[in-house]
Amino acid sequence: MSSRTDSFFIRPKRRGLGIDMAPLIDIVFLLLIFFMLNTTFSNPAIPLSMPQGSSEQGEVHESEVIVVSFDAEGKIYINRDEVAWDDYQPKLKEAMAELGMKSVHFKGDESLSYKRFTQIFDASRAAGVVQFNMVRRMMSADEIEGETDSP
């Protein structure tokens, strides 16, 4: 009977509860790498100073360029001449041939939608425009002389 009493008092082995450390260490290293890279890229290695736009640089007169403008009412102009949308490409080709250039300066109203802008851009490219410049607005000589630093 002694064997019976000995087995009665022996506790069965329980499996130990523990946390698997391998995934935890992986996550900690990934977070460490993320924060190291994030702090490295937040300060650029080369400081950049972006140029400020000003009308004093490269003064351009409207008579020397082709200006395509779009106003708030949806009218399209080529060098101050109103043009219907159906006549836009032929008139633009004619103006480019007359001045002998393939670049266009585009002035658009704030209300111009992106869809309409892409239509004008695509039609200009189809007419043979090689360089499509976007300008804030053309300024007269009086405006340039009286210009202040405020936008």
N, C-alpha and C. Protein backbone atom coordinates (compact mmCIF):
# COMPACT_ATOMS: atom_id res chain seq x y z
N MET A 1 0.78 -1.19 0.00
CA MET A 1 0.00 0.00 0.00
C MET A 1 0.83 1.27 0.00
N SER A 2 2.02 1.07 0.23
CA SER A 2 2.86 2.26 0.28
C SER A 2 2.95 2.94 -1.09
N SER A 3 2.86 2.18 -2.16
CA SER A 3 2.94 2.77 -3.49
C SER A 3 1.69 3.59 -3.78
N ARG A 4 0.60 3.14 -3.17
CA ARG A 4 -0.63 3.87 -3.41
C ARG A 4 -0.62 5.22 -2.71
N THR A 5 -0.10 5.29 -1.56
CA THR A 5 -0.07 6.54 -0.82
C THR A 5 0.96 7.49 -1.40
N ASP A 6 2.05 6.97 -1.97
CA ASP A 6 3.08 7.83 -2.55
C ASP A 6 2.56 8.54 -3.80
N SER A 7 1.83 7.85 -4.61
CA SER A 7 1.31 8.45 -5.83
C SER A 7 0.15 9.39 -5.56
N PHE A 8 -0.48 9.22 -4.40
CA PHE A 8 -1.60 10.05 -4.05
C PHE A 8 -1.16 11.47 -3.69
N PHE A 9 0.02 11.61 -3.10
CA PHE A 9 0.49 12.92 -2.67
C PHE A 9 1.37 13.64 -3.70
N ILE A 10 1.69 13.02 -4.77
CA ILE A 10 2.51 13.66 -5.80
C ILE A 10 1.59 14.48 -6.72
N ARG A 11 1.94 15.74 -6.84
CA ARG A 11 1.13 16.62 -7.69
C ARG A 11 1.53 16.44 -9.16
N PRO A 12 0.54 16.50 -10.03
CA PRO A 12 0.89 16.40 -11.46
C PRO A 12 1.58 17.70 -11.89
N LYS A 13 2.48 17.58 -12.83
CA LYS A 13 3.21 18.75 -13.32
C LYS A 13 2.30 19.62 -14.17
N ARG A 14 2.30 20.91 -13.83
CA ARG A 14 1.51 21.85 -14.63
C ARG A 14 2.44 22.55 -15.62
N ARG A 15 1.86 22.83 -16.71
CA ARG A 15 2.62 23.54 -17.73
C ARG A 15 2.77 24.99 -17.26
N GLY A 16 3.95 25.52 -17.36
CA GLY A 16 4.20 26.87 -16.88
C GLY A 16 3.62 27.92 -17.82
N LEU A 17 3.10 28.98 -17.27
CA LEU A 17 2.57 30.08 -18.05
C LEU A 17 3.70 31.08 -18.27
N GLY A 18 3.97 31.38 -19.51
CA GLY A 18 5.03 32.33 -19.81
C GLY A 18 4.72 33.09 -21.09
N ILE A 19 5.41 34.17 -21.30
CA ILE A 19 5.21 34.98 -22.49
C ILE A 19 6.33 34.67 -23.46
N ASP A 20 5.94 34.41 -24.70
CA ASP A 20 6.94 34.16 -25.72
C ASP A 20 7.61 35.49 -26.06
N MET A 21 8.89 35.60 -25.84
CA MET A 21 9.60 36.87 -25.97
C MET A 21 10.03 37.18 -27.41
N ALA A 22 10.07 36.24 -28.29
CA ALA A 22 10.55 36.47 -29.66
C ALA A 22 9.70 37.49 -30.42
N PRO A 23 8.36 37.38 -30.46
CA PRO A 23 7.58 38.41 -31.15
C PRO A 23 7.68 39.78 -30.49
N LEU A 24 7.78 39.80 -29.17
CA LEU A 24 7.90 41.06 -28.46
C LEU A 24 9.21 41.77 -28.83
N ILE A 25 10.28 41.02 -28.92
CA ILE A 25 11.57 41.60 -29.29
C ILE A 25 11.54 42.09 -30.74
N ASP A 26 10.88 41.35 -31.63
CA ASP A 26 10.75 41.79 -33.02
C ASP A 26 10.02 43.13 -33.11
N ILE A 27 8.93 43.27 -32.38
CA ILE A 27 8.16 44.51 -32.40
C ILE A 27 8.98 45.67 -31.84
N VAL A 28 9.70 45.43 -30.77
CA VAL A 28 10.53 46.48 -30.17
C VAL A 28 11.60 46.93 -31.15
N PHE A 29 12.24 46.01 -31.84
CA PHE A 29 13.27 46.40 -32.82
C PHE A 29 12.65 47.14 -34.01
N LEU A 30 11.48 46.72 -34.47
CA LEU A 30 10.82 47.44 -35.56
C LEU A 30 10.46 48.86 -35.14
N LEU A 31 9.96 49.04 -33.93
CA LEU A 31 9.67 50.39 -33.44
C LEU A 31 10.93 51.23 -33.31
N LEU A 32 11.99 50.61 -32.83
CA LEU A 32 13.26 51.32 -32.70
C LEU A 32 13.76 51.79 -34.06
N ILE A 33 13.71 50.93 -35.07
CA ILE A 33 14.14 51.30 -36.42
C ILE A 33 13.24 52.39 -36.98
N PHE A 34 11.94 52.27 -36.77
CA PHE A 34 11.00 53.29 -37.27
C PHE A 34 11.32 54.66 -36.68
N PHE A 35 11.50 54.74 -35.38
CA PHE A 35 11.76 56.04 -34.76
C PHE A 35 13.15 56.58 -35.13
N MET A 36 14.13 55.70 -35.31
CA MET A 36 15.46 56.17 -35.73
C MET A 36 15.40 56.77 -37.13
N LEU A 37 14.71 56.11 -38.05
CA LEU A 37 14.59 56.63 -39.41
C LEU A 37 13.75 57.89 -39.46
N ASN A 38 12.71 57.93 -38.66
CA ASN A 38 11.84 59.09 -38.65
C ASN A 38 12.58 60.34 -38.16
N THR A 39 13.39 60.21 -37.15
CA THR A 39 14.14 61.37 -36.66
C THR A 39 15.26 61.75 -37.62
N THR A 40 15.77 60.79 -38.37
CA THR A 40 16.83 61.09 -39.33
C THR A 40 16.28 61.90 -40.50
N PHE A 41 15.09 61.55 -41.00
CA PHE A 41 14.55 62.22 -42.17
C PHE A 41 13.80 63.51 -41.83
N SER A 42 13.52 63.77 -40.56
CA SER A 42 12.79 64.98 -40.24
C SER A 42 13.64 66.23 -40.44
N ASN A 43 14.94 66.14 -40.29
CA ASN A 43 15.84 67.26 -40.55
C ASN A 43 16.61 66.97 -41.83
N PRO A 44 16.36 67.71 -42.90
CA PRO A 44 17.05 67.42 -44.15
C PRO A 44 18.55 67.70 -44.02
N ALA A 45 19.33 66.92 -44.74
CA ALA A 45 20.78 67.07 -44.69
C ALA A 45 21.23 68.31 -45.44
N ILE A 46 20.48 68.68 -46.47
CA ILE A 46 20.84 69.85 -47.27
C ILE A 46 19.74 70.89 -47.09
N PRO A 47 20.05 72.03 -46.50
CA PRO A 47 19.00 73.05 -46.36
C PRO A 47 18.67 73.67 -47.71
N LEU A 48 17.40 73.79 -48.01
CA LEU A 48 16.95 74.34 -49.27
C LEU A 48 16.28 75.68 -49.04
N SER A 49 16.59 76.63 -49.87
CA SER A 49 15.87 77.89 -49.82
C SER A 49 15.18 78.05 -51.18
N MET A 50 13.87 78.06 -51.13
CA MET A 50 13.08 78.14 -52.35
C MET A 50 13.01 79.58 -52.83
N PRO A 51 13.12 79.81 -54.13
CA PRO A 51 13.07 81.19 -54.63
C PRO A 51 11.66 81.76 -54.51
N GLN A 52 11.60 83.04 -54.25
CA GLN A 52 10.33 83.74 -54.17
C GLN A 52 9.98 84.29 -55.55
N GLY A 53 8.74 84.17 -55.93
CA GLY A 53 8.31 84.69 -57.23
C GLY A 53 8.23 86.20 -57.22
N SER A 54 8.74 86.79 -58.26
CA SER A 54 8.66 88.24 -58.36
C SER A 54 8.61 88.61 -59.82
N SER A 55 7.96 89.71 -60.11
CA SER A 55 7.81 90.13 -61.49
C SER A 55 9.07 90.81 -62.02
N GLU A 56 10.01 91.12 -61.14
CA GLU A 56 11.24 91.78 -61.56
C GLU A 56 12.15 90.83 -62.34
N GLN A 57 12.02 89.54 -62.08
CA GLN A 57 12.86 88.56 -62.76
C GLN A 57 12.24 88.23 -64.11
N GLY A 58 12.93 88.51 -65.18
CA GLY A 58 12.45 88.14 -66.51
C GLY A 58 11.16 88.82 -66.88
N GLU A 59 11.15 90.12 -66.91
CA GLU A 59 9.94 90.85 -67.26
C GLU A 59 9.52 90.49 -68.68
N VAL A 60 8.28 90.08 -68.83
CA VAL A 60 7.76 89.65 -70.12
C VAL A 60 6.58 90.54 -70.48
N HIS A 61 6.58 91.04 -71.68
CA HIS A 61 5.47 91.85 -72.16
C HIS A 61 4.49 90.96 -72.91
N GLU A 62 3.21 91.26 -72.78
CA GLU A 62 2.18 90.42 -73.39
C GLU A 62 2.29 90.38 -74.91
N SER A 63 2.86 91.38 -75.52
CA SER A 63 2.95 91.40 -76.99
C SER A 63 3.99 90.40 -77.50
N GLU A 64 4.88 89.92 -76.64
CA GLU A 64 5.95 89.02 -77.05
C GLU A 64 5.61 87.55 -76.85
N VAL A 65 4.51 87.26 -76.18
CA VAL A 65 4.16 85.87 -75.88
C VAL A 65 2.70 85.61 -76.26
N ILE A 66 2.36 84.34 -76.29
CA ILE A 66 0.97 83.95 -76.49
C ILE A 66 0.38 83.70 -75.11
N VAL A 67 -0.65 84.46 -74.78
CA VAL A 67 -1.29 84.34 -73.47
C VAL A 67 -2.68 83.75 -73.66
N VAL A 68 -2.90 82.62 -73.03
CA VAL A 68 -4.22 81.99 -73.02
C VAL A 68 -4.78 82.23 -71.62
N SER A 69 -5.95 82.85 -71.56
CA SER A 69 -6.54 83.12 -70.25
C SER A 69 -7.96 82.61 -70.20
N PHE A 70 -8.39 82.33 -68.99
CA PHE A 70 -9.71 81.77 -68.72
C PHE A 70 -10.31 82.59 -67.59
N ASP A 71 -11.48 83.21 -67.81
CA ASP A 71 -12.05 84.07 -66.78
C ASP A 71 -13.13 83.35 -65.98
N ALA A 72 -13.72 84.06 -65.02
CA ALA A 72 -14.70 83.46 -64.12
C ALA A 72 -15.98 83.06 -64.83
N GLU A 73 -16.30 83.72 -65.96
CA GLU A 73 -17.53 83.38 -66.69
C GLU A 73 -17.33 82.16 -67.60
N GLY A 74 -16.11 81.66 -67.70
CA GLY A 74 -15.85 80.49 -68.53
C GLY A 74 -15.43 80.82 -69.94
N LYS A 75 -15.06 82.07 -70.19
CA LYS A 75 -14.63 82.47 -71.53
C LYS A 75 -13.12 82.26 -71.67
N ILE A 76 -12.72 81.85 -72.87
CA ILE A 76 -11.31 81.62 -73.17
C ILE A 76 -10.83 82.75 -74.07
N TYR A 77 -9.66 83.26 -73.76
CA TYR A 77 -9.05 84.35 -74.54
C TYR A 77 -7.67 83.92 -75.01
N ILE A 78 -7.35 84.32 -76.24
CA ILE A 78 -5.98 84.17 -76.75
C ILE A 78 -5.50 85.58 -77.06
N ASN A 79 -4.52 86.04 -76.30
CA ASN A 79 -3.99 87.40 -76.44
C ASN A 79 -5.11 88.44 -76.46
N ARG A 80 -5.97 88.41 -75.46
CA ARG A 80 -7.07 89.37 -75.25
C ARG A 80 -8.20 89.25 -76.27
N ASP A 81 -8.15 88.29 -77.15
CA ASP A 81 -9.24 88.07 -78.12
C ASP A 81 -10.06 86.88 -77.63
N GLU A 82 -11.36 87.10 -77.44
CA GLU A 82 -12.22 86.01 -76.99
C GLU A 82 -12.36 84.98 -78.10
N VAL A 83 -12.28 83.71 -77.70
CA VAL A 83 -12.32 82.61 -78.65
C VAL A 83 -13.35 81.59 -78.16
N ALA A 84 -14.15 81.09 -79.07
CA ALA A 84 -15.08 80.01 -78.73
C ALA A 84 -14.30 78.72 -78.54
N TRP A 85 -14.83 77.82 -77.73
CA TRP A 85 -14.11 76.58 -77.44
C TRP A 85 -13.86 75.76 -78.71
N ASP A 86 -14.80 75.76 -79.64
CA ASP A 86 -14.62 75.00 -80.89
C ASP A 86 -13.52 75.59 -81.76
N ASP A 87 -13.27 76.89 -81.67
CA ASP A 87 -12.24 77.55 -82.47
C ASP A 87 -10.91 77.68 -81.75
N TYR A 88 -10.80 77.12 -80.55
CA TYR A 88 -9.60 77.33 -79.74
C TYR A 88 -8.33 76.77 -80.41
N GLN A 89 -8.36 75.52 -80.83
CA GLN A 89 -7.17 74.91 -81.43
C GLN A 89 -6.74 75.61 -82.72
N PRO A 90 -7.63 75.87 -83.67
CA PRO A 90 -7.19 76.55 -84.89
C PRO A 90 -6.65 77.96 -84.63
N LYS A 91 -7.30 78.70 -83.73
CA LYS A 91 -6.84 80.06 -83.42
C LYS A 91 -5.49 80.02 -82.72
N LEU A 92 -5.28 79.04 -81.86
CA LEU A 92 -4.00 78.92 -81.17
C LEU A 92 -2.90 78.55 -82.16
N LYS A 93 -3.18 77.64 -83.09
CA LYS A 93 -2.21 77.30 -84.14
C LYS A 93 -1.86 78.52 -84.96
N GLU A 94 -2.87 79.32 -85.29
CA GLU A 94 -2.66 80.52 -86.08
C GLU A 94 -1.79 81.53 -85.32
N ALA A 95 -2.05 81.71 -84.04
CA ALA A 95 -1.26 82.64 -83.23
C ALA A 95 0.18 82.16 -83.08
N MET A 96 0.38 80.85 -82.93
CA MET A 96 1.74 80.31 -82.81
C MET A 96 2.50 80.48 -84.13
N ALA A 97 1.83 80.27 -85.25
CA ALA A 97 2.48 80.44 -86.55
C ALA A 97 2.83 81.91 -86.79
N GLU A 98 1.96 82.80 -86.35
CA GLU A 98 2.18 84.23 -86.55
C GLU A 98 3.38 84.73 -85.76
N LEU A 99 3.52 84.27 -84.50
CA LEU A 99 4.65 84.72 -83.67
C LEU A 99 5.86 83.79 -83.78
N GLY A 100 5.69 82.64 -84.38
CA GLY A 100 6.81 81.71 -84.55
C GLY A 100 7.28 81.09 -83.25
N MET A 101 6.37 80.79 -82.36
CA MET A 101 6.76 80.17 -81.09
C MET A 101 5.79 79.06 -80.74
N LYS A 102 6.26 78.15 -79.90
CA LYS A 102 5.44 77.01 -79.50
C LYS A 102 5.26 76.96 -77.99
N SER A 103 5.33 78.14 -77.37
CA SER A 103 5.09 78.20 -75.92
C SER A 103 3.89 79.10 -75.64
N VAL A 104 3.19 78.78 -74.57
CA VAL A 104 1.98 79.49 -74.19
C VAL A 104 2.06 79.83 -72.71
N HIS A 105 1.63 81.05 -72.37
CA HIS A 105 1.48 81.44 -70.96
C HIS A 105 0.00 81.34 -70.63
N PHE A 106 -0.31 80.61 -69.58
CA PHE A 106 -1.71 80.37 -69.21
C PHE A 106 -2.04 81.11 -67.92
N LYS A 107 -3.14 81.88 -67.95
CA LYS A 107 -3.66 82.55 -66.77
C LYS A 107 -5.07 82.03 -66.55
N GLY A 108 -5.34 81.48 -65.39
CA GLY A 108 -6.66 80.96 -65.11
C GLY A 108 -7.29 81.61 -63.90
N ASP A 109 -8.60 81.65 -63.88
CA ASP A 109 -9.33 82.19 -62.75
C ASP A 109 -9.31 81.18 -61.60
N GLU A 110 -9.51 81.67 -60.37
CA GLU A 110 -9.51 80.78 -59.21
C GLU A 110 -10.61 79.73 -59.29
N SER A 111 -11.70 80.04 -59.97
CA SER A 111 -12.83 79.11 -60.04
C SER A 111 -12.65 78.04 -61.11
N LEU A 112 -11.54 78.05 -61.82
CA LEU A 112 -11.28 77.08 -62.87
C LEU A 112 -11.17 75.68 -62.27
N SER A 113 -11.96 74.77 -62.78
CA SER A 113 -11.91 73.39 -62.26
C SER A 113 -10.73 72.65 -62.89
N TYR A 114 -10.33 71.60 -62.20
CA TYR A 114 -9.22 70.80 -62.69
C TYR A 114 -9.58 70.14 -64.02
N LYS A 115 -10.83 69.73 -64.17
CA LYS A 115 -11.27 69.09 -65.40
C LYS A 115 -11.14 70.05 -66.58
N ARG A 116 -11.58 71.29 -66.38
CA ARG A 116 -11.51 72.29 -67.46
C ARG A 116 -10.05 72.62 -67.79
N PHE A 117 -9.21 72.70 -66.74
CA PHE A 117 -7.80 72.97 -66.96
C PHE A 117 -7.16 71.88 -67.82
N THR A 118 -7.46 70.62 -67.52
CA THR A 118 -6.87 69.53 -68.31
C THR A 118 -7.39 69.54 -69.74
N GLN A 119 -8.65 69.96 -69.92
CA GLN A 119 -9.17 70.07 -71.29
C GLN A 119 -8.41 71.15 -72.07
N ILE A 120 -8.17 72.28 -71.43
CA ILE A 120 -7.42 73.36 -72.09
C ILE A 120 -5.99 72.92 -72.36
N PHE A 121 -5.38 72.25 -71.39
CA PHE A 121 -4.00 71.77 -71.55
C PHE A 121 -3.91 70.76 -72.69
N ASP A 122 -4.83 69.80 -72.73
CA ASP A 122 -4.81 68.79 -73.79
C ASP A 122 -5.06 69.41 -75.16
N ALA A 123 -5.98 70.37 -75.23
CA ALA A 123 -6.25 71.03 -76.51
C ALA A 123 -5.04 71.84 -76.96
N SER A 124 -4.33 72.44 -76.02
CA SER A 124 -3.12 73.20 -76.36
C SER A 124 -2.04 72.27 -76.88
N ARG A 125 -1.87 71.14 -76.23
CA ARG A 125 -0.88 70.16 -76.68
C ARG A 125 -1.23 69.64 -78.07
N ALA A 126 -2.51 69.42 -78.32
CA ALA A 126 -2.94 68.94 -79.63
C ALA A 126 -2.71 70.00 -80.70
N ALA A 127 -2.73 71.27 -80.30
CA ALA A 127 -2.49 72.36 -81.26
C ALA A 127 -1.00 72.52 -81.56
N GLY A 128 -0.14 71.85 -80.80
CA GLY A 128 1.29 71.91 -81.07
C GLY A 128 2.10 72.66 -80.04
N VAL A 129 1.51 72.97 -78.89
CA VAL A 129 2.24 73.69 -77.83
C VAL A 129 3.26 72.74 -77.22
N VAL A 130 4.50 73.22 -77.13
CA VAL A 130 5.57 72.42 -76.54
C VAL A 130 5.78 72.80 -75.08
N GLN A 131 5.67 74.10 -74.79
CA GLN A 131 5.91 74.59 -73.44
C GLN A 131 4.65 75.32 -72.96
N PHE A 132 4.07 74.84 -71.86
CA PHE A 132 2.83 75.39 -71.30
C PHE A 132 3.17 75.98 -69.95
N ASN A 133 3.29 77.31 -69.87
CA ASN A 133 3.68 77.99 -68.64
C ASN A 133 2.45 78.52 -67.92
N MET A 134 2.42 78.35 -66.62
CA MET A 134 1.33 78.90 -65.82
C MET A 134 1.84 80.15 -65.13
N VAL A 135 1.11 81.24 -65.28
CA VAL A 135 1.51 82.50 -64.65
C VAL A 135 0.41 82.95 -63.71
N ARG A 136 0.84 83.67 -62.69
CA ARG A 136 -0.13 84.20 -61.73
C ARG A 136 -0.97 85.25 -62.40
N ARG A 137 -0.34 86.26 -62.96
CA ARG A 137 -1.00 87.27 -63.78
C ARG A 137 0.07 88.15 -64.38
N MET A 138 -0.22 88.70 -65.54
CA MET A 138 0.70 89.63 -66.19
C MET A 138 0.50 90.99 -65.55
N MET A 139 1.60 91.70 -65.31
CA MET A 139 1.52 93.00 -64.68
C MET A 139 1.96 94.08 -65.65
N SER A 140 1.29 95.19 -65.59
CA SER A 140 1.68 96.32 -66.43
C SER A 140 2.87 97.03 -65.78
N ALA A 141 3.49 97.94 -66.53
CA ALA A 141 4.64 98.66 -66.00
C ALA A 141 4.25 99.51 -64.79
N ASP A 142 3.05 100.09 -64.79
CA ASP A 142 2.59 100.88 -63.66
C ASP A 142 2.44 100.03 -62.40
N GLU A 143 1.93 98.83 -62.56
CA GLU A 143 1.77 97.93 -61.42
C GLU A 143 3.12 97.49 -60.87
N ILE A 144 4.10 97.28 -61.76
CA ILE A 144 5.42 96.85 -61.32
C ILE A 144 6.09 97.96 -60.51
N GLU A 145 5.97 99.21 -60.95
CA GLU A 145 6.58 100.32 -60.23
C GLU A 145 5.95 100.50 -58.87
N GLY A 146 4.64 100.33 -58.75
CA GLY A 146 3.94 100.56 -57.50
C GLY A 146 3.75 99.31 -56.68
N GLU A 147 4.42 98.22 -57.03
CA GLU A 147 4.25 96.96 -56.35
C GLU A 147 4.87 97.01 -54.96
N THR A 148 4.19 96.42 -54.01
CA THR A 148 4.71 96.28 -52.65
C THR A 148 5.02 94.82 -52.41
N ASP A 149 5.56 94.51 -51.23
CA ASP A 149 5.91 93.13 -50.91
C ASP A 149 4.70 92.30 -50.53
N SER A 150 3.55 92.91 -50.31
CA SER A 150 2.37 92.14 -49.95
C SER A 150 1.79 91.46 -51.18
N PRO A 151 1.27 90.23 -51.01
CA PRO A 151 0.74 89.50 -52.17
C PRO A 151 -0.56 90.05 -52.68
